[in-house]
Amino acid sequence: MYLFGDPATWLPVAFATLMGLSILIYVVLDGFDLGVGVLFPFAEAEEKDRMIASIGPFWDANETWLVLAIGILLVAFPTAHGEILTALYLPVAVMLIGLILRGVAFEFRAKAPAHWKQTWNRAFLAGSLMTALSQGYMLGIYIMGLEITLLTVGFAILTALFLTIAYSFIGAAWLILKTEGALQAKAVQWARGGIFGVVLGLGAVSLASPLVSARIFEKWFSVPEVFLLAPLPLFSVALVAVLWAVLRRLPTRDDSFAWVPFVAAVSLFVLGFFGMAYSFYPYVVPEKLTIYEAASAPESLFIILVGTCFVLPMILGYTVLAYTVFRGKATALSYD
């Protein structure tokens, strides 16, 4: 008798859960700092420094979750890793170039001569856009079953635009939380505009997933599932209503409710993620490979799980520590 049952059953589920949570944490955390980069063209030079200061202590640690998610995909589901990366090779390459460009620009804009600073600001914007758009494109192609046709590419382009707008929205919500004065007022205006992109993006993904797959349609619209799952879209609508109401009141003199847009945006991302996770489970490659078919041998998974039990708490601890130490409003940017 195994302590937790058949390891060939629970180990793939455990690693799929870990991978999913890593992706969710990455999308939320790196989403807001990518969004801050996407908003760069709408800010003045001094405001850009304050925007950089608001994400400076966090941005590189946020990307650790992407490394963890891809690492789990590689070692726990190697067959799926090959299928997914083969289909998404080009956008993955664009994303990596964008992440490198962002990192280089982030550091060089602080050290380059004054007349080069604007060039590195543009590079930071370009890296942010490349990363956000490529991730949105990959999401669209994944939802379409990793098939490359004119229709699926068109849908992927739409999801690329919507995800980029969603990142800009959560980035604006972060700036509302972390800044004050004129920049905070601008961030409120940016968030008011970005909320429509979030709604359209969630709607597009929610409609496309069941239309592409009869299996997903059955999971959502059969009885009693349709009633049990009704809270997901209802909570999403309620969160959008709360966001709109709060954004109309911000900014306030005492900075009250400045935390609400960011918390509500994170909640929307979480609801959307769980909707997708429910739709695609147990498949890791849509309609082709389940997590059980793609998983490594149970013996290998168990060894990897032991290592994960050491690594994951360290990443969580570092993340919590960073956000605790650097809580509060962003101060003036300084490299002294």
Protein backbone atom coordinates (compact mmCIF):
# COMPACT_ATOMS: atom_id res chain seq x y z
CA MET A 1 0.00 0.00 0.00
CA TYR A 2 1.27 3.46 -0.89
CA LEU A 3 0.80 6.21 1.70
CA PHE A 4 -0.93 8.57 -0.77
CA GLY A 5 -2.29 6.00 -3.19
CA ASP A 6 -0.92 5.14 -6.60
CA PRO A 7 2.04 7.49 -7.34
CA ALA A 8 1.36 7.18 -11.08
CA THR A 9 -1.94 8.96 -10.35
CA TRP A 10 -1.20 11.60 -7.72
CA LEU A 11 2.33 12.62 -8.76
CA PRO A 12 1.27 13.96 -12.21
CA VAL A 13 -1.58 15.85 -10.54
CA ALA A 14 0.82 17.29 -7.95
CA PHE A 15 3.26 18.49 -10.60
CA ALA A 16 0.50 19.85 -12.81
CA THR A 17 -0.75 21.82 -9.80
CA LEU A 18 2.74 23.13 -9.03
CA MET A 19 3.29 24.12 -12.65
CA GLY A 20 -0.11 25.81 -12.85
CA LEU A 21 0.45 27.77 -9.65
CA SER A 22 3.91 28.84 -10.88
CA ILE A 23 2.39 30.13 -14.12
CA LEU A 24 -0.37 31.94 -12.22
CA ILE A 25 2.08 33.61 -9.82
CA TYR A 26 4.31 34.58 -12.74
CA VAL A 27 1.45 36.08 -14.75
CA VAL A 28 0.33 38.17 -11.76
CA LEU A 29 3.75 39.28 -10.55
CA ASP A 30 5.61 39.73 -13.83
CA GLY A 31 2.35 40.90 -15.39
CA PHE A 32 2.31 44.14 -13.43
CA ASP A 33 5.97 44.98 -14.09
CA LEU A 34 5.54 44.19 -17.79
CA GLY A 35 2.47 46.43 -17.68
CA VAL A 36 4.52 49.25 -16.17
CA GLY A 37 6.91 48.95 -19.11
CA VAL A 38 4.05 48.97 -21.63
CA LEU A 39 2.79 52.25 -20.06
CA PHE A 40 6.15 53.99 -20.51
CA PRO A 41 5.15 56.05 -23.59
CA PHE A 42 2.37 57.79 -21.65
CA ALA A 43 4.62 59.05 -18.83
CA GLU A 44 6.97 62.02 -18.48
CA ALA A 45 10.70 61.51 -17.93
CA GLU A 46 10.54 62.03 -14.16
CA GLU A 47 7.48 59.79 -13.93
CA LYS A 48 9.34 57.02 -15.74
CA ASP A 49 11.99 57.07 -13.02
CA ARG A 50 9.29 56.70 -10.36
CA MET A 51 7.68 53.87 -12.34
CA ILE A 52 11.02 52.06 -12.50
CA ALA A 53 11.49 52.62 -8.76
CA SER A 54 8.12 50.98 -8.08
CA ILE A 55 9.20 47.70 -9.72
CA GLY A 56 12.96 47.84 -9.13
CA PRO A 57 13.11 45.54 -6.08
CA PHE A 58 10.80 42.93 -7.61
CA TRP A 59 11.07 42.52 -11.37
CA ASP A 60 13.94 40.04 -11.60
CA ALA A 61 12.58 37.88 -8.75
CA ASN A 62 9.18 37.79 -10.46
CA GLU A 63 10.72 36.05 -13.47
CA THR A 64 11.94 33.21 -11.23
CA TRP A 65 8.41 31.80 -11.37
CA LEU A 66 8.60 31.51 -15.16
CA VAL A 67 11.84 29.56 -14.86
CA LEU A 68 10.23 27.27 -12.29
CA ALA A 69 7.15 26.65 -14.46
CA ILE A 70 9.20 25.81 -17.57
CA GLY A 71 11.55 23.67 -15.48
CA ILE A 72 8.63 21.64 -14.13
CA LEU A 73 7.24 21.23 -17.65
CA LEU A 74 10.63 19.97 -18.86
CA VAL A 75 11.39 17.48 -16.10
CA ALA A 76 7.89 16.34 -15.14
CA PHE A 77 6.19 16.33 -18.58
CA PRO A 78 9.05 16.00 -21.12
CA THR A 79 6.81 14.77 -23.95
CA ALA A 80 4.49 17.74 -23.54
CA HIS A 81 7.49 20.06 -23.31
CA GLY A 82 8.62 18.87 -26.74
CA GLU A 83 5.14 19.24 -28.27
CA ILE A 84 4.50 22.71 -26.83
CA LEU A 85 7.93 24.20 -27.46
CA THR A 86 7.99 22.84 -31.02
CA ALA A 87 4.69 24.55 -31.81
CA LEU A 88 5.65 27.77 -30.00
CA TYR A 89 9.34 27.98 -30.87
CA LEU A 90 9.20 31.42 -32.55
CA PRO A 91 7.10 33.26 -29.92
CA VAL A 92 9.21 31.68 -27.14
CA ALA A 93 12.34 33.04 -28.85
CA VAL A 94 10.73 36.49 -29.14
CA MET A 95 9.76 36.36 -25.45
CA LEU A 96 13.30 35.46 -24.38
CA ILE A 97 14.77 38.28 -26.47
CA GLY A 98 12.24 40.65 -24.92
CA LEU A 99 13.13 39.54 -21.38
CA ILE A 100 16.84 39.98 -22.10
CA LEU A 101 16.24 43.42 -23.63
CA ARG A 102 14.19 44.48 -20.60
CA GLY A 103 16.89 43.37 -18.18
CA VAL A 104 19.68 45.10 -20.08
CA ALA A 105 17.66 48.30 -20.55
CA PHE A 106 16.66 48.34 -16.89
CA GLU A 107 20.29 48.44 -15.80
CA PHE A 108 21.79 50.51 -18.61
CA ARG A 109 19.26 53.37 -18.43
CA ALA A 110 20.62 54.11 -14.94
CA LYS A 111 24.29 54.06 -15.93
CA ALA A 112 24.33 55.43 -19.49
CA PRO A 113 25.03 59.12 -20.22
CA ALA A 114 21.95 61.37 -20.15
CA HIS A 115 21.62 61.55 -23.94
CA TRP A 116 21.38 57.72 -24.12
CA LYS A 117 18.71 57.41 -21.44
CA GLN A 118 15.82 57.88 -23.89
CA THR A 119 17.24 55.13 -26.11
CA TRP A 120 17.27 52.70 -23.20
CA ASN A 121 13.75 53.78 -22.26
CA ARG A 122 12.65 52.78 -25.76
CA ALA A 123 14.50 49.47 -25.39
CA PHE A 124 12.68 48.84 -22.09
CA LEU A 125 9.36 49.54 -23.81
CA ALA A 126 10.28 47.29 -26.75
CA GLY A 127 11.30 44.43 -24.44
CA SER A 128 8.08 44.78 -22.43
CA LEU A 129 5.93 44.76 -25.58
CA MET A 130 7.78 41.81 -27.11
CA THR A 131 7.37 39.77 -23.93
CA ALA A 132 3.70 40.63 -23.36
CA LEU A 133 2.64 40.18 -26.99
CA SER A 134 4.49 36.87 -27.39
CA GLN A 135 2.94 35.49 -24.21
CA GLY A 136 -0.53 36.50 -25.42
CA TYR A 137 0.14 34.90 -28.80
CA MET A 138 1.26 31.66 -27.10
CA LEU A 139 -1.89 31.67 -24.98
CA GLY A 140 -4.06 31.99 -28.08
CA ILE A 141 -2.30 29.20 -29.96
CA TYR A 142 -2.47 26.95 -26.88
CA ILE A 143 -6.22 27.51 -26.56
CA MET A 144 -6.57 26.66 -30.25
CA GLY A 145 -4.89 23.29 -29.65
CA LEU A 146 -1.42 24.29 -30.90
CA GLU A 147 -2.70 24.23 -34.47
CA ILE A 148 -1.25 26.83 -36.85
CA THR A 149 -3.89 27.98 -39.33
CA LEU A 150 -5.08 31.36 -40.54
CA LEU A 151 -7.96 31.27 -38.04
CA THR A 152 -5.85 30.23 -35.06
CA VAL A 153 -3.15 32.80 -35.84
CA GLY A 154 -5.84 35.50 -36.10
CA PHE A 155 -7.22 34.50 -32.71
CA ALA A 156 -3.70 34.40 -31.23
CA ILE A 157 -3.06 37.95 -32.45
CA LEU A 158 -6.23 39.07 -30.67
CA THR A 159 -5.21 37.36 -27.42
CA ALA A 160 -1.74 38.92 -27.76
CA LEU A 161 -3.31 42.39 -27.87
CA PHE A 162 -5.78 41.66 -25.07
CA LEU A 163 -3.15 40.15 -22.74
CA THR A 164 -0.87 43.14 -23.34
CA ILE A 165 -3.74 45.47 -22.40
CA ALA A 166 -4.48 43.30 -19.36
CA TYR A 167 -0.84 43.59 -18.30
CA SER A 168 -0.99 47.36 -18.75
CA PHE A 169 -4.14 47.38 -16.59
CA ILE A 170 -2.59 45.46 -13.71
CA GLY A 171 0.53 47.62 -14.14
CA ALA A 172 -1.62 50.75 -13.77
CA ALA A 173 -3.30 49.21 -10.71
CA TRP A 174 0.15 48.58 -9.22
CA LEU A 175 1.12 52.22 -9.81
CA ILE A 176 -2.09 53.37 -8.10
CA LEU A 177 -1.00 51.34 -5.09
CA LYS A 178 2.68 52.32 -5.10
CA THR A 179 2.68 55.98 -6.19
CA GLU A 180 0.98 59.24 -5.29
CA GLY A 181 0.28 62.67 -6.71
CA ALA A 182 0.18 63.32 -10.45
CA LEU A 183 1.51 59.89 -11.42
CA GLN A 184 -1.14 58.15 -9.34
CA ALA A 185 -3.83 60.27 -11.01
CA LYS A 186 -2.45 59.29 -14.43
CA ALA A 187 -2.41 55.62 -13.41
CA VAL A 188 -6.11 55.87 -12.54
CA GLN A 189 -6.83 57.15 -16.05
CA TRP A 190 -4.73 54.36 -17.57
CA ALA A 191 -6.61 51.77 -15.51
CA ARG A 192 -9.99 53.16 -16.57
CA GLY A 193 -9.03 52.66 -20.20
CA GLY A 194 -7.40 49.26 -19.69
CA ILE A 195 -10.36 47.67 -17.93
CA PHE A 196 -12.19 47.32 -21.26
CA GLY A 197 -9.31 45.29 -22.68
CA VAL A 198 -9.41 42.99 -19.66
CA VAL A 199 -13.14 42.39 -20.12
CA LEU A 200 -12.76 41.74 -23.86
CA GLY A 201 -9.81 39.41 -23.28
CA LEU A 202 -11.59 37.34 -20.65
CA GLY A 203 -14.67 37.20 -22.86
CA ALA A 204 -12.70 36.08 -25.92
CA VAL A 205 -10.92 33.27 -24.07
CA SER A 206 -14.12 32.19 -22.30
CA LEU A 207 -16.04 31.96 -25.58
CA ALA A 208 -13.28 30.40 -27.67
CA SER A 209 -12.36 27.53 -25.33
CA PRO A 210 -15.74 25.71 -25.41
CA LEU A 211 -16.24 26.45 -29.12
CA VAL A 212 -12.91 24.85 -30.05
CA SER A 213 -13.48 21.69 -28.02
CA ALA A 214 -16.70 19.69 -27.62
CA ARG A 215 -15.17 18.19 -24.47
CA ILE A 216 -14.72 21.64 -22.89
CA PHE A 217 -18.23 22.66 -24.00
CA GLU A 218 -19.63 19.60 -22.24
CA LYS A 219 -17.64 20.35 -19.07
CA TRP A 220 -19.08 23.86 -18.83
CA PHE A 221 -22.63 23.57 -20.11
CA SER A 222 -23.88 20.18 -18.94
CA VAL A 223 -26.07 19.87 -15.86
CA PRO A 224 -25.27 20.26 -12.95
CA GLU A 225 -21.86 21.73 -13.92
CA VAL A 226 -23.40 24.85 -15.49
CA PHE A 227 -24.94 25.75 -12.12
CA LEU A 228 -21.93 24.79 -10.02
CA LEU A 229 -19.60 26.89 -12.20
CA ALA A 230 -21.91 29.90 -12.42
CA PRO A 231 -20.09 31.70 -9.54
CA LEU A 232 -16.94 32.08 -11.71
CA PRO A 233 -18.46 34.41 -14.33
CA LEU A 234 -20.72 36.05 -11.72
CA PHE A 235 -17.76 36.87 -9.46
CA SER A 236 -15.88 38.20 -12.50
CA VAL A 237 -18.74 40.53 -13.40
CA ALA A 238 -18.97 41.67 -9.77
CA LEU A 239 -15.23 42.40 -9.66
CA VAL A 240 -15.40 44.46 -12.86
CA ALA A 241 -18.30 46.44 -11.37
CA VAL A 242 -16.32 47.06 -8.17
CA LEU A 243 -13.27 48.10 -10.18
CA TRP A 244 -15.25 50.57 -12.24
CA ALA A 245 -16.92 52.08 -9.17
CA VAL A 246 -13.64 52.43 -7.24
CA LEU A 247 -11.70 53.85 -10.21
CA ARG A 248 -14.31 56.59 -10.54
CA ARG A 249 -13.58 57.65 -6.93
CA LEU A 250 -9.80 57.54 -7.15
CA PRO A 251 -7.50 59.19 -6.35
CA THR A 252 -8.63 60.16 -2.84
CA ARG A 253 -7.00 62.64 -0.48
CA ASP A 254 -6.25 60.05 2.19
CA ASP A 255 -5.23 57.39 -0.38
CA SER A 256 -8.05 55.12 0.77
CA PHE A 257 -9.06 52.33 -1.60
CA ALA A 258 -5.78 52.64 -3.55
CA TRP A 259 -5.23 48.93 -2.89
CA VAL A 260 -8.59 47.85 -4.34
CA PRO A 261 -7.76 48.00 -8.11
CA PHE A 262 -4.66 45.82 -7.71
CA VAL A 263 -6.37 43.25 -5.49
CA ALA A 264 -9.39 43.14 -7.82
CA ALA A 265 -7.14 42.79 -10.89
CA VAL A 266 -5.26 39.90 -9.25
CA SER A 267 -8.60 38.29 -8.37
CA LEU A 268 -9.74 38.54 -12.01
CA PHE A 269 -6.51 36.89 -13.18
CA VAL A 270 -6.98 34.11 -10.62
CA LEU A 271 -10.60 33.48 -11.68
CA GLY A 272 -9.58 33.39 -15.33
CA PHE A 273 -6.75 30.97 -14.57
CA PHE A 274 -8.97 28.55 -12.66
CA GLY A 275 -11.52 28.67 -15.47
CA MET A 276 -8.82 27.66 -17.96
CA ALA A 277 -7.40 25.00 -15.63
CA TYR A 278 -10.83 23.42 -15.25
CA SER A 279 -11.41 23.57 -19.01
CA PHE A 280 -8.21 21.83 -20.05
CA TYR A 281 -7.73 19.30 -17.23
CA PRO A 282 -6.52 16.57 -17.55
CA TYR A 283 -4.81 17.61 -20.80
CA VAL A 284 -1.41 19.31 -20.78
CA VAL A 285 -1.35 19.40 -24.60
CA PRO A 286 -4.93 20.27 -25.59
CA GLU A 287 -6.85 17.22 -26.82
CA LYS A 288 -3.61 15.30 -27.44
CA LEU A 289 -1.72 14.45 -24.25
CA THR A 290 -3.04 14.16 -20.71
CA ILE A 291 -0.83 14.83 -17.70
CA TYR A 292 -0.74 11.08 -17.07
CA GLU A 293 0.40 10.23 -20.59
CA ALA A 294 3.05 12.98 -20.67
CA ALA A 295 4.42 12.46 -17.15
CA SER A 296 7.86 11.09 -16.38
CA ALA A 297 8.21 7.79 -14.52
CA PRO A 298 6.86 7.91 -10.95
CA GLU A 299 10.33 7.17 -9.55
CA SER A 300 11.76 10.22 -11.35
CA LEU A 301 8.83 12.41 -10.32
CA PHE A 302 9.26 11.47 -6.67
CA ILE A 303 12.95 12.45 -6.70
CA ILE A 304 12.06 15.76 -8.39
CA LEU A 305 9.31 16.34 -5.82
CA VAL A 306 11.82 16.01 -2.98
CA GLY A 307 14.00 18.67 -4.60
CA THR A 308 10.97 20.89 -5.20
CA CYS A 309 10.10 20.71 -1.52
CA PHE A 310 13.41 22.46 -0.80
CA VAL A 311 13.44 24.92 -3.71
CA LEU A 312 9.83 26.13 -3.61
CA PRO A 313 9.85 27.38 0.02
CA MET A 314 13.06 29.32 -0.73
CA ILE A 315 11.45 31.05 -3.72
CA LEU A 316 8.27 31.75 -1.75
CA GLY A 317 10.29 33.05 1.21
CA TYR A 318 12.40 35.36 -0.96
CA THR A 319 9.30 36.69 -2.71
CA VAL A 320 7.42 37.37 0.54
CA LEU A 321 10.52 39.00 2.07
CA ALA A 322 11.02 41.32 -0.92
CA TYR A 323 7.41 42.48 -0.95
CA THR A 324 7.47 42.94 2.84
CA VAL A 325 10.72 44.91 3.00
CA PHE A 326 9.79 47.19 0.08
CA ARG A 327 6.13 47.73 1.00
CA GLY A 328 4.66 51.23 0.92
CA LYS A 329 4.97 53.97 -1.65
CA ALA A 330 7.83 54.01 -4.14
CA THR A 331 10.45 56.62 -3.31
CA ALA A 332 12.52 58.71 -5.71
CA LEU A 333 14.78 56.59 -7.91
CA SER A 334 18.34 56.49 -6.64
CA TYR A 335 21.38 54.31 -7.39
CA ASP A 336 23.64 55.70 -4.66
